[in-house]
Amino acid sequence: MEVNVYDFDKTIFDGDSTQKFYLYLLKSQPKIAIYLPKQLFYFIPFSLGFMEKTKFKEKFYSCFNVVKDIDKEVENFWDININGIKKWYYEKQEHTDIIISASPEFLLSPICKRLGIKHLIASKVDKKTGKYTGLNCYGQEKVIRLNKEIPKTIIREFYSDSFSDEPLAEIAKKSYIVDKDNLYPWWEYKKYKN
C-alpha cells in the first residue's frame, strides 16, 4: 500500500497538542495544578539530561488521574482546537493517510476520527495513570511501529516538523519539513540548516 505519512504536532496541527491539552486542563480541571511542583521537580533532571524522556512524560502525565472523565475532556478540547488543523493538510488529505506521533494515542484518536483518518500510530499511554504501555513513539520507534502495525507500507510522501523523524524520511519516496505553513524538501532544507 502506497500512502502519505504525517507527524501530528507542529506538522498538521499548529502547536503541541499535549501541551495545549495540559493548559486546557489547568482551566477546566484546576485541581491538576497540585501536580505542578512535582512536574517542575522532574523537569529539572530531564532538562539537564539526567532523566529519560519517557520517564519524565510519565511523571508529567500522572496528573491525569485526578480528571474524572478524561474522554469527555479530550472531546471538549478538540471542539475548541479542531481549527488548529492546518489548511494545507486539508488540501492534501487522502483517505489512506497515516498519522505517526509521539503524543498519546488517547489524545489523538478522537481528532483523527473527526478528520476521517483511519490509521493512527501514537504513544500508548494509560489515560488514568499516565504510564506508558509501550515505548515512546519517537524517532526510530516510529518506523518499528509502522512496520509492525501496517506492514508492507510504502511511504509516497512524508511530512514532519522535526529532524528527529529522519528514520521515516529516509524510507519515504519524498519527504518534507514543515515550518509553520511552509513545506520544504527534506534533504535540501537539512543542508540549508546545517
Protein backbone atom coordinates (compact mmCIF):
# COMPACT_ATOMS: atom_id res chain seq x y z
CA MET A 1 0.00 0.00 0.00
CA GLU A 2 1.46 3.39 -1.02
CA VAL A 3 0.43 6.19 1.34
CA ASN A 4 1.27 9.61 2.72
CA VAL A 5 2.50 9.69 6.32
CA TYR A 6 2.36 12.68 8.65
CA ASP A 7 3.67 13.61 12.04
CA PHE A 8 0.95 15.45 14.01
CA ASP A 9 2.22 18.17 16.35
CA LYS A 10 3.58 21.27 14.59
CA THR A 11 3.11 19.38 11.33
CA ILE A 12 -0.60 19.13 10.54
CA PHE A 13 -1.57 20.71 13.88
CA ASP A 14 -0.49 24.21 14.86
CA GLY A 15 1.44 23.61 18.07
CA ASP A 16 1.96 20.76 20.50
CA SER A 17 -1.36 19.04 21.24
CA THR A 18 -0.19 17.58 24.56
CA GLN A 19 0.99 20.96 25.85
CA LYS A 20 -2.23 22.61 24.70
CA PHE A 21 -4.31 19.84 26.31
CA TYR A 22 -2.45 20.31 29.58
CA LEU A 23 -3.10 24.08 29.52
CA TYR A 24 -6.75 23.37 28.70
CA LEU A 25 -6.95 21.01 31.70
CA LEU A 26 -5.46 23.66 34.01
CA LYS A 27 -8.50 25.80 33.16
CA SER A 28 -11.19 23.10 33.07
CA GLN A 29 -9.77 20.98 35.93
CA PRO A 30 -7.78 23.41 38.12
CA LYS A 31 -7.15 20.67 40.69
CA ILE A 32 -4.40 19.26 38.45
CA ALA A 33 -2.35 22.30 39.49
CA ILE A 34 -1.46 20.36 42.66
CA TYR A 35 0.88 18.38 40.39
CA LEU A 36 2.84 21.46 39.26
CA PRO A 37 5.53 21.20 41.98
CA LYS A 38 6.09 17.51 41.16
CA GLN A 39 6.19 18.25 37.44
CA LEU A 40 8.71 21.06 37.93
CA PHE A 41 10.78 18.83 40.22
CA TYR A 42 11.11 16.20 37.47
CA PHE A 43 11.57 18.76 34.70
CA ILE A 44 14.92 19.86 36.11
CA PRO A 45 16.74 16.49 35.83
CA PHE A 46 15.04 15.86 32.46
CA SER A 47 16.17 19.21 31.05
CA LEU A 48 19.72 18.54 32.26
CA GLY A 49 19.78 15.12 30.58
CA PHE A 50 19.60 13.05 33.78
CA MET A 51 16.15 11.59 33.14
CA GLU A 52 14.89 9.69 30.12
CA LYS A 53 12.11 11.38 28.12
CA THR A 54 9.56 8.57 28.61
CA LYS A 55 10.09 8.55 32.38
CA PHE A 56 9.66 12.33 32.51
CA LYS A 57 6.48 12.16 30.44
CA GLU A 58 5.05 9.50 32.79
CA LYS A 59 5.71 11.76 35.77
CA PHE A 60 4.18 14.70 33.91
CA TYR A 61 1.10 12.74 32.76
CA SER A 62 0.42 11.40 36.26
CA CYS A 63 -1.83 14.44 36.79
CA PHE A 64 -4.44 12.76 34.55
CA ASN A 65 -5.50 10.55 37.48
CA VAL A 66 -7.47 13.41 39.07
CA VAL A 67 -9.51 14.07 35.91
CA LYS A 68 -12.87 12.32 36.36
CA ASP A 69 -13.87 11.94 32.71
CA ILE A 70 -10.77 12.36 30.61
CA ASP A 71 -12.52 11.15 27.45
CA LYS A 72 -15.03 13.97 27.77
CA GLU A 73 -12.23 16.47 28.39
CA VAL A 74 -10.40 15.26 25.27
CA GLU A 75 -13.57 15.69 23.18
CA ASN A 76 -14.15 19.18 24.61
CA PHE A 77 -10.52 20.06 23.93
CA TRP A 78 -10.89 19.10 20.26
CA ASP A 79 -14.18 21.01 19.98
CA ILE A 80 -12.13 24.11 20.79
CA ASN A 81 -8.92 23.19 18.95
CA ILE A 82 -10.01 21.49 15.72
CA ASN A 83 -9.32 24.80 13.97
CA GLY A 84 -5.63 24.14 14.71
CA ILE A 85 -5.50 21.65 11.84
CA LYS A 86 -3.55 23.38 9.10
CA LYS A 87 -5.27 24.32 5.86
CA TRP A 88 -2.58 22.78 3.68
CA TYR A 89 -3.32 19.38 5.24
CA TYR A 90 -6.99 19.53 4.23
CA GLU A 91 -5.85 20.26 0.67
CA LYS A 92 -3.55 17.19 0.60
CA GLN A 93 -5.63 14.79 2.72
CA GLU A 94 -6.34 11.32 1.38
CA HIS A 95 -8.41 8.52 2.93
CA THR A 96 -5.29 6.33 3.27
CA ASP A 97 -3.24 8.84 5.32
CA ILE A 98 -1.28 7.59 8.32
CA ILE A 99 -0.52 9.76 11.35
CA ILE A 100 2.52 8.75 13.42
CA SER A 101 3.10 10.75 16.59
CA ALA A 102 4.83 10.67 19.97
CA SER A 103 1.72 12.21 21.53
CA PRO A 104 -0.64 9.93 23.48
CA GLU A 105 -2.93 7.79 21.37
CA PHE A 106 -5.95 8.59 23.58
CA LEU A 107 -5.46 12.30 22.85
CA LEU A 108 -5.11 11.98 19.07
CA SER A 109 -7.61 9.21 18.38
CA PRO A 110 -10.71 11.47 18.63
CA ILE A 111 -9.31 14.15 16.30
CA CYS A 112 -8.20 11.53 13.78
CA LYS A 113 -11.71 10.08 13.86
CA ARG A 114 -13.19 13.53 13.24
CA LEU A 115 -10.82 14.06 10.31
CA GLY A 116 -11.61 10.66 8.82
CA ILE A 117 -8.06 9.38 9.40
CA LYS A 118 -8.27 5.63 9.86
CA HIS A 119 -4.62 4.91 10.65
CA LEU A 120 -3.08 6.40 13.80
CA ILE A 121 0.15 5.19 15.37
CA ALA A 122 0.95 7.03 18.60
CA SER A 123 2.38 6.52 22.08
CA LYS A 124 0.30 4.14 24.13
CA VAL A 125 -0.27 5.91 27.44
CA ASP A 126 -2.73 4.86 30.15
CA LYS A 127 -5.06 7.85 30.32
CA LYS A 128 -5.75 7.31 34.02
CA THR A 129 -2.19 6.82 35.31
CA GLY A 130 -0.03 8.45 32.64
CA LYS A 131 2.09 5.27 32.40
CA TYR A 132 3.36 4.11 29.03
CA THR A 133 2.24 0.64 27.97
CA GLY A 134 4.89 0.58 25.24
CA LEU A 135 7.78 2.71 24.05
CA ASN A 136 7.52 6.41 23.29
CA CYS A 137 6.63 6.58 19.58
CA TYR A 138 9.62 8.74 18.66
CA GLY A 139 12.48 8.59 16.14
CA GLN A 140 13.33 5.05 15.01
CA GLU A 141 10.42 3.68 17.09
CA LYS A 142 8.03 5.26 14.57
CA VAL A 143 9.50 3.08 11.80
CA ILE A 144 9.34 -0.02 14.00
CA ARG A 145 5.69 0.63 14.88
CA LEU A 146 4.76 1.36 11.25
CA ASN A 147 6.33 -1.90 10.06
CA LYS A 148 4.64 -3.84 12.86
CA GLU A 149 1.16 -2.30 12.67
CA ILE A 150 0.81 -1.66 8.93
CA PRO A 151 3.36 -3.97 7.26
CA LYS A 152 4.48 -3.52 3.65
CA THR A 153 3.63 0.18 3.70
CA ILE A 154 5.35 2.23 1.03
CA ILE A 155 5.59 5.89 2.01
CA ARG A 156 4.92 8.07 -1.02
CA GLU A 157 5.29 11.35 0.90
CA PHE A 158 6.30 12.03 4.50
CA TYR A 159 5.77 15.29 6.40
CA SER A 160 7.22 16.38 9.75
CA ASP A 161 8.42 19.48 11.55
CA SER A 162 11.35 17.69 13.19
CA PHE A 163 14.63 16.10 12.09
CA SER A 164 14.05 13.52 14.85
CA ASP A 165 11.77 11.90 12.27
CA GLU A 166 14.62 11.31 9.84
CA PRO A 167 14.21 7.50 10.09
CA LEU A 168 10.81 7.89 8.39
CA ALA A 169 12.13 10.48 5.93
CA GLU A 170 14.83 8.03 4.86
CA ILE A 171 12.33 5.35 3.82
CA ALA A 172 9.90 7.70 2.04
CA LYS A 173 9.96 8.36 -1.69
CA LYS A 174 9.61 12.09 -0.93
CA SER A 175 9.99 13.84 2.42
CA TYR A 176 9.11 17.35 3.52
CA ILE A 177 9.96 19.50 6.51
CA VAL A 178 7.05 21.59 7.75
CA ASP A 179 7.91 25.03 9.08
CA LYS A 180 4.65 26.66 10.19
CA ASP A 181 2.62 26.55 6.94
CA ASN A 182 5.60 26.13 4.62
CA LEU A 183 6.66 22.80 3.13
CA TYR A 184 10.29 22.27 2.11
CA PRO A 185 12.00 19.26 0.52
CA TRP A 186 13.61 17.46 3.49
CA TRP A 187 17.17 16.96 2.28
CA GLU A 188 17.52 20.44 0.76
CA TYR A 189 16.19 22.01 3.96
CA LYS A 190 18.56 19.93 6.07
CA LYS A 191 21.58 21.10 4.01
CA TYR A 192 20.38 24.69 4.33
CA LYS A 193 20.04 24.39 8.13
CA ASN A 194 23.48 22.79 8.56
